Amino acid sequence: MIDIEVTTRKIVELFQQQDLPFHLTGGLISSYYGEPRTTLDVDVVMKISLEQIGYAKRIVELLEEDFIVDLDACHEAIEYRTLFQAIDKETFFKVDIHVKGIVPLEFERSVTIEIFDGFFAPVVSIEDAILSKLLWINMGSGRSRQDVVRILQNKHEMDTEYLETTAKQLGVEHILNELKVIAESNDPNIIF
């Protein structure tokens, strides 16, 4: 197995064993929905409210056998609604653990897919993957532009009404419309 698969399997199995609400997102899932690409980390979104700040110790205790993780960083991530990192002690692959979803109600739309041969995991829905990438683009992420175009070009079945309505509500409709035009052009000379 390659390092990303080893690390992904570990984190998914740990969270599933503890029945912690989470799903995978980021480059790994963009590759699944769009075009395979290298990624430097595994992105996980956990559903943890500010009231659950006491979860920090539980999460760190769960991870510390297989991962290098810092309790203060986990605590701050929950308090300030950001992310903390865990480094796999075996592969040295990084896991970014976001403590809240970026798209409203994204956990209610999670789906379970086979991300590796015979290995199933909860992931962000295709629509919410696109929406989160649009929000990252709005914050300056260039890589996310290419991810969205590749996902749109793959012509997956998706709820376009939800995607367009929510993009408008989130103030990123203009980015979605621009990237749809690029995706439909299939121009290999487009520079992202």
Foldseek 3Di string as FASTA:
>chain_A
DDPQVVVVVVVQVLCVVVVFQKAWAPLLVLCVLFNDDDDQATEMETADALVVLVCLVVVCVSCVVFWDFDSVQSSVQRNVQAWGWTAGPVRRGIYTYGHHQPAPPQSVVWDWDASDVVDITTHGDLLSNLLVLLVVVVVPDPVSLVSNLRSLLVPDDDDVVVSQVSCVVVVRNVSVVVSNVVSVVPDPPDDD
